[in-house]
Amino acid sequence: MKVLFTCLILIQSAGYIYAQSSETQKTIDNINRSIDDAVVKKDVNKLKQLYADDFVFTHGTGHVEGKSSWIKDVENPAKKFTSRVHDSTLVELHDNVAIVTGSLAITRSDADKLVRYGIRYVRVFALRSKSWQLISHRTVKEWHFK
């Protein structure tokens, strides 16, 4: 009877841990998507909260920049992101770190031309002071649409 009781407690605990990780995965996926919504809306205050101070952005071109230079790029009135749509997003949890992979279809208007492209990315989030923040974005593949 003790063995059965112990097994039931272990099964119940495993279910609770799975539910917790599933909820955390949903939370991180929502944060990940809200970052790109904030880029489209040019919501700099939200981006300042969601990007860690040591955030590193590696573009598909190989160009690397930090939080302040990327936010300045987002604020640039000559560039307007009109949409950033996620697809195939997966969240992998490791204690206080989450790795997010996915693809993003991006539409941006630069002064007089419309630019459409897609990327595959890897993003790393860290749990800092009870909040998830993006610490790294790396574009691993980029393609352009005509």
C-alpha atoms as a PDB file:
ATOM      1  CA  MET A   1       0.000   0.000   0.000  1.00  0.00           C
ATOM      2  CA  LYS A   2       2.870   2.392   0.816  1.00  0.00           C
ATOM      3  CA  VAL A   3       4.406   1.706  -2.596  1.00  0.00           C
ATOM      4  CA  LEU A   4       1.119   2.436  -4.348  1.00  0.00           C
ATOM      5  CA  PHE A   5       0.670   5.656  -2.354  1.00  0.00           C
ATOM      6  CA  THR A   6       4.250   6.757  -3.184  1.00  0.00           C
ATOM      7  CA  CYS A   7       3.689   6.021  -6.878  1.00  0.00           C
ATOM      8  CA  LEU A   8       0.472   8.046  -6.903  1.00  0.00           C
ATOM      9  CA  ILE A   9       2.239  11.012  -5.289  1.00  0.00           C
ATOM     10  CA  LEU A  10       5.075  10.800  -7.823  1.00  0.00           C
ATOM     11  CA  ILE A  11       2.623  10.673 -10.729  1.00  0.00           C
ATOM     12  CA  GLN A  12       0.683  13.627  -9.325  1.00  0.00           C
ATOM     13  CA  SER A  13       3.933  15.603  -8.845  1.00  0.00           C
ATOM     14  CA  ALA A  14       5.032  14.858 -12.392  1.00  0.00           C
ATOM     15  CA  GLY A  15       1.684  16.124 -13.669  1.00  0.00           C
ATOM     16  CA  TYR A  16       2.051  19.318 -11.634  1.00  0.00           C
ATOM     17  CA  ILE A  17       5.595  19.890 -12.946  1.00  0.00           C
ATOM     18  CA  TYR A  18       4.402  19.308 -16.516  1.00  0.00           C
ATOM     19  CA  ALA A  19       1.515  21.755 -16.042  1.00  0.00           C
ATOM     20  CA  GLN A  20       3.932  24.342 -14.618  1.00  0.00           C
ATOM     21  CA  SER A  21       6.357  23.945 -17.524  1.00  0.00           C
ATOM     22  CA  SER A  22       3.491  24.082 -20.020  1.00  0.00           C
ATOM     23  CA  GLU A  23       2.247  27.337 -18.468  1.00  0.00           C
ATOM     24  CA  THR A  24       5.781  28.771 -18.491  1.00  0.00           C
ATOM     25  CA  GLN A  25       6.175  27.808 -22.139  1.00  0.00           C
ATOM     26  CA  LYS A  26       2.921  29.626 -22.980  1.00  0.00           C
ATOM     27  CA  THR A  27       4.061  32.675 -21.009  1.00  0.00           C
ATOM     28  CA  ILE A  28       7.385  32.822 -22.850  1.00  0.00           C
ATOM     29  CA  ASP A  29       5.718  32.291 -26.219  1.00  0.00           C
ATOM     30  CA  ASN A  30       3.380  35.195 -25.433  1.00  0.00           C
ATOM     31  CA  ILE A  31       6.308  37.424 -24.399  1.00  0.00           C
ATOM     32  CA  ASN A  32       8.169  36.436 -27.562  1.00  0.00           C
ATOM     33  CA  ARG A  33       5.217  37.457 -29.731  1.00  0.00           C
ATOM     34  CA  SER A  34       4.589  40.642 -27.738  1.00  0.00           C
ATOM     35  CA  ILE A  35       8.142  41.781 -28.465  1.00  0.00           C
ATOM     36  CA  ASP A  36       7.424  41.784 -32.184  1.00  0.00           C
ATOM     37  CA  ASP A  37       4.053  43.462 -31.639  1.00  0.00           C
ATOM     38  CA  ALA A  38       5.928  46.189 -29.733  1.00  0.00           C
ATOM     39  CA  VAL A  39       8.390  46.562 -32.635  1.00  0.00           C
ATOM     40  CA  VAL A  40       5.480  47.090 -35.058  1.00  0.00           C
ATOM     41  CA  LYS A  41       3.843  49.595 -32.691  1.00  0.00           C
ATOM     42  CA  LYS A  42       7.199  51.262 -31.914  1.00  0.00           C
ATOM     43  CA  ASP A  43       6.413  50.714 -28.224  1.00  0.00           C
ATOM     44  CA  VAL A  44       9.880  51.575 -26.947  1.00  0.00           C
ATOM     45  CA  ASN A  45       8.891  51.449 -23.264  1.00  0.00           C
ATOM     46  CA  LYS A  46       7.735  47.853 -23.617  1.00  0.00           C
ATOM     47  CA  LEU A  47      10.887  46.920 -25.526  1.00  0.00           C
ATOM     48  CA  LYS A  48      13.069  48.470 -22.815  1.00  0.00           C
ATOM     49  CA  GLN A  49      11.330  46.202 -20.284  1.00  0.00           C
ATOM     50  CA  LEU A  50      11.447  43.027 -22.361  1.00  0.00           C
ATOM     51  CA  TYR A  51      15.044  43.315 -23.622  1.00  0.00           C
ATOM     52  CA  ALA A  52      17.746  42.730 -21.016  1.00  0.00           C
ATOM     53  CA  ASP A  53      20.394  45.424 -20.680  1.00  0.00           C
ATOM     54  CA  ASP A  54      22.958  42.953 -22.060  1.00  0.00           C
ATOM     55  CA  PHE A  55      20.719  41.966 -25.016  1.00  0.00           C
ATOM     56  CA  VAL A  56      22.626  40.971 -28.170  1.00  0.00           C
ATOM     57  CA  PHE A  57      20.985  40.980 -31.618  1.00  0.00           C
ATOM     58  CA  THR A  58      22.781  39.107 -34.387  1.00  0.00           C
ATOM     59  CA  HIS A  59      21.148  39.877 -37.737  1.00  0.00           C
ATOM     60  CA  GLY A  60      21.079  37.535 -40.720  1.00  0.00           C
ATOM     61  CA  THR A  61      23.744  39.719 -42.331  1.00  0.00           C
ATOM     62  CA  GLY A  62      26.082  39.067 -39.403  1.00  0.00           C
ATOM     63  CA  HIS A  63      25.668  42.604 -38.056  1.00  0.00           C
ATOM     64  CA  VAL A  64      25.636  42.552 -34.233  1.00  0.00           C
ATOM     65  CA  GLU A  65      24.104  45.234 -32.060  1.00  0.00           C
ATOM     66  CA  GLY A  66      22.878  45.748 -28.526  1.00  0.00           C
ATOM     67  CA  LYS A  67      19.689  46.906 -26.879  1.00  0.00           C
ATOM     68  CA  SER A  68      20.061  50.676 -27.320  1.00  0.00           C
ATOM     69  CA  SER A  69      21.146  50.604 -30.984  1.00  0.00           C
ATOM     70  CA  TRP A  70      18.347  48.159 -31.931  1.00  0.00           C
ATOM     71  CA  ILE A  71      15.742  50.280 -30.150  1.00  0.00           C
ATOM     72  CA  LYS A  72      17.045  53.367 -31.996  1.00  0.00           C
ATOM     73  CA  ASP A  73      16.628  51.423 -35.247  1.00  0.00           C
ATOM     74  CA  VAL A  74      13.033  50.562 -34.296  1.00  0.00           C
ATOM     75  CA  GLU A  75      12.369  54.247 -33.498  1.00  0.00           C
ATOM     76  CA  ASN A  76      13.771  55.410 -36.854  1.00  0.00           C
ATOM     77  CA  PRO A  77      10.889  57.230 -38.616  1.00  0.00           C
ATOM     78  CA  ALA A  78      12.257  56.230 -42.041  1.00  0.00           C
ATOM     79  CA  LYS A  79      11.624  52.541 -41.187  1.00  0.00           C
ATOM     80  CA  LYS A  80       8.236  51.162 -40.267  1.00  0.00           C
ATOM     81  CA  PHE A  81       7.635  47.511 -39.509  1.00  0.00           C
ATOM     82  CA  THR A  82       4.075  46.878 -40.645  1.00  0.00           C
ATOM     83  CA  SER A  83       3.943  43.223 -39.617  1.00  0.00           C
ATOM     84  CA  ARG A  84       6.026  40.578 -37.864  1.00  0.00           C
ATOM     85  CA  VAL A  85       4.195  37.246 -37.870  1.00  0.00           C
ATOM     86  CA  HIS A  86       5.498  34.177 -36.025  1.00  0.00           C
ATOM     87  CA  ASP A  87       5.268  30.583 -37.216  1.00  0.00           C
ATOM     88  CA  SER A  88       6.598  27.216 -35.999  1.00  0.00           C
ATOM     89  CA  THR A  89       7.546  28.559 -32.572  1.00  0.00           C
ATOM     90  CA  LEU A  90       8.970  26.108 -30.027  1.00  0.00           C
ATOM     91  CA  VAL A  91       9.914  26.902 -26.426  1.00  0.00           C
ATOM     92  CA  GLU A  92      12.531  24.784 -24.649  1.00  0.00           C
ATOM     93  CA  LEU A  93      12.909  25.303 -20.885  1.00  0.00           C
ATOM     94  CA  HIS A  94      16.070  25.002 -18.774  1.00  0.00           C
ATOM     95  CA  ASP A  95      15.537  26.268 -15.190  1.00  0.00           C
ATOM     96  CA  ASN A  96      15.893  30.067 -15.529  1.00  0.00           C
ATOM     97  CA  VAL A  97      16.654  30.018 -19.262  1.00  0.00           C
ATOM     98  CA  ALA A  98      14.329  29.451 -22.210  1.00  0.00           C
ATOM     99  CA  ILE A  99      15.365  28.875 -25.807  1.00  0.00           C
ATOM    100  CA  VAL A 100      12.812  29.841 -28.430  1.00  0.00           C
ATOM    101  CA  THR A 101      13.087  28.831 -32.069  1.00  0.00           C
ATOM    102  CA  GLY A 102      10.751  29.848 -34.832  1.00  0.00           C
ATOM    103  CA  SER A 103      10.271  31.742 -38.023  1.00  0.00           C
ATOM    104  CA  LEU A 104       9.113  35.268 -38.594  1.00  0.00           C
ATOM    105  CA  ALA A 105       7.540  36.794 -41.721  1.00  0.00           C
ATOM    106  CA  ILE A 106       8.405  40.489 -41.730  1.00  0.00           C
ATOM    107  CA  THR A 107       7.049  43.392 -43.752  1.00  0.00           C
ATOM    108  CA  ARG A 108       8.754  46.760 -43.442  1.00  0.00           C
ATOM    109  CA  SER A 109       8.470  50.012 -45.351  1.00  0.00           C
ATOM    110  CA  ASP A 110      11.693  51.961 -45.822  1.00  0.00           C
ATOM    111  CA  ALA A 111      10.901  55.495 -47.011  1.00  0.00           C
ATOM    112  CA  ASP A 112       9.721  54.729 -50.565  1.00  0.00           C
ATOM    113  CA  LYS A 113       9.920  50.928 -50.795  1.00  0.00           C
ATOM    114  CA  LEU A 114       8.277  47.894 -49.238  1.00  0.00           C
ATOM    115  CA  VAL A 115      10.593  45.149 -47.972  1.00  0.00           C
ATOM    116  CA  ARG A 116       9.296  41.636 -47.286  1.00  0.00           C
ATOM    117  CA  TYR A 117      11.442  38.878 -45.871  1.00  0.00           C
ATOM    118  CA  GLY A 118      11.415  35.853 -43.636  1.00  0.00           C
ATOM    119  CA  ILE A 119      13.816  34.648 -40.985  1.00  0.00           C
ATOM    120  CA  ARG A 120      14.479  31.587 -38.849  1.00  0.00           C
ATOM    121  CA  TYR A 121      15.676  32.583 -35.411  1.00  0.00           C
ATOM    122  CA  VAL A 122      16.935  31.385 -32.065  1.00  0.00           C
ATOM    123  CA  ARG A 123      16.065  33.570 -29.068  1.00  0.00           C
ATOM    124  CA  VAL A 124      17.249  33.107 -25.523  1.00  0.00           C
ATOM    125  CA  PHE A 125      15.256  34.399 -22.559  1.00  0.00           C
ATOM    126  CA  ALA A 126      16.480  34.551 -18.953  1.00  0.00           C
ATOM    127  CA  LEU A 127      14.425  34.797 -15.786  1.00  0.00           C
ATOM    128  CA  ARG A 128      15.766  37.853 -13.973  1.00  0.00           C
ATOM    129  CA  SER A 129      14.163  39.390 -10.888  1.00  0.00           C
ATOM    130  CA  LYS A 130      11.022  37.292 -11.500  1.00  0.00           C
ATOM    131  CA  SER A 131      10.629  38.579 -15.083  1.00  0.00           C
ATOM    132  CA  TRP A 132      11.533  36.909 -18.353  1.00  0.00           C
ATOM    133  CA  GLN A 133      13.779  39.062 -20.551  1.00  0.00           C
ATOM    134  CA  LEU A 134      15.208  38.496 -24.010  1.00  0.00           C
ATOM    135  CA  ILE A 135      18.993  38.286 -23.773  1.00  0.00           C
ATOM    136  CA  SER A 136      19.824  37.099 -27.298  1.00  0.00           C
ATOM    137  CA  HIS A 137      18.294  37.012 -30.769  1.00  0.00           C
ATOM    138  CA  ARG A 138      20.201  35.295 -33.552  1.00  0.00           C
ATOM    139  CA  THR A 139      18.867  35.132 -37.093  1.00  0.00           C
ATOM    140  CA  VAL A 140      20.074  31.812 -38.484  1.00  0.00           C
ATOM    141  CA  LYS A 141      18.496  32.043 -41.931  1.00  0.00           C
ATOM    142  CA  GLU A 142      17.032  34.902 -43.957  1.00  0.00           C
ATOM    143  CA  TRP A 143      15.213  35.001 -47.287  1.00  0.00           C
ATOM    144  CA  HIS A 144      13.575  37.822 -49.218  1.00  0.00           C
ATOM    145  CA  PHE A 145      10.256  37.902 -51.080  1.00  0.00           C
ATOM    146  CA  LYS A 146       9.656  39.882 -54.243  1.00  0.00           C
END
